[in-house]
Structures are given as C-alpha cells and as structure tokens.
Amino acid sequence: MHTVYKRKADEHNTDFLEALKVTFKHKEIEIAVTETGGYRRE
C-alpha cells in the first residue's frame, strides 16, 4: 500500500499519528518527509 498525505507541518497533531496507527495496524511503515515548497505563510 502506498499513501501520500500532503499537509502543512503545523497542522499535524497526535490525531494524525493515531490515524496512521489505525490505518497500518501491526505493519511496519516508513515515513519520509519532503518539503513541497507550496506553503506560504499568510
């Protein structure tokens, strides 16, 4: 399974981690972080 989450860094919280744990329960996962350059602070 391949899933891409695209969000602003400051939008992540413990709910995001819990969602990953539910989605990939009992599986080893790899998390890669890439800056997309599409985020502008307003």
Protein backbone atom coordinates (compact mmCIF):
# COMPACT_ATOMS: atom_id res chain seq x y z
CA MET A 1 0.00 0.00 0.00
CA HIS A 2 1.22 3.49 -0.83
CA THR A 3 -0.38 6.56 0.72
CA VAL A 4 0.60 10.22 0.43
CA TYR A 5 -0.50 12.78 2.99
CA LYS A 6 0.05 16.39 1.96
CA ARG A 7 -0.45 18.81 4.84
CA LYS A 8 1.18 21.81 6.40
CA ALA A 9 3.65 20.87 9.14
CA ASP A 10 1.82 22.91 11.77
CA GLU A 11 -1.45 21.02 11.08
CA HIS A 12 -0.08 17.71 12.41
CA ASN A 13 -1.00 16.63 15.90
CA THR A 14 -1.49 13.41 17.85
CA ASP A 15 -4.67 12.66 15.85
CA PHE A 16 -2.54 12.24 12.72
CA LEU A 17 -0.28 9.72 14.44
CA GLU A 18 -3.27 7.81 15.81
CA ALA A 19 -4.81 7.67 12.32
CA LEU A 20 -1.58 6.17 10.97
CA LYS A 21 -1.59 3.57 13.73
CA VAL A 22 -5.16 2.55 12.89
CA THR A 23 -4.62 2.51 9.12
CA PHE A 24 -1.41 0.48 9.26
CA LYS A 25 -2.09 -1.59 12.38
CA HIS A 26 0.55 -4.28 13.03
CA LYS A 27 2.53 -3.28 9.92
CA GLU A 28 5.98 -1.80 9.60
CA ILE A 29 5.83 1.59 7.88
CA GLU A 30 8.35 4.05 6.53
CA ILE A 31 7.77 7.79 6.89
CA ALA A 32 9.54 10.18 4.52
CA VAL A 33 9.21 13.96 4.74
CA THR A 34 9.70 16.18 1.69
CA GLU A 35 9.27 19.93 1.58
CA THR A 36 6.98 20.76 -1.33
CA GLY A 37 7.65 24.49 -1.45
CA GLY A 38 3.94 25.18 -1.80
CA TYR A 39 3.42 26.59 1.69
CA ARG A 40 3.24 30.34 2.11
CA ARG A 41 2.78 31.93 5.48
CA GLU A 42 -0.03 34.47 5.49
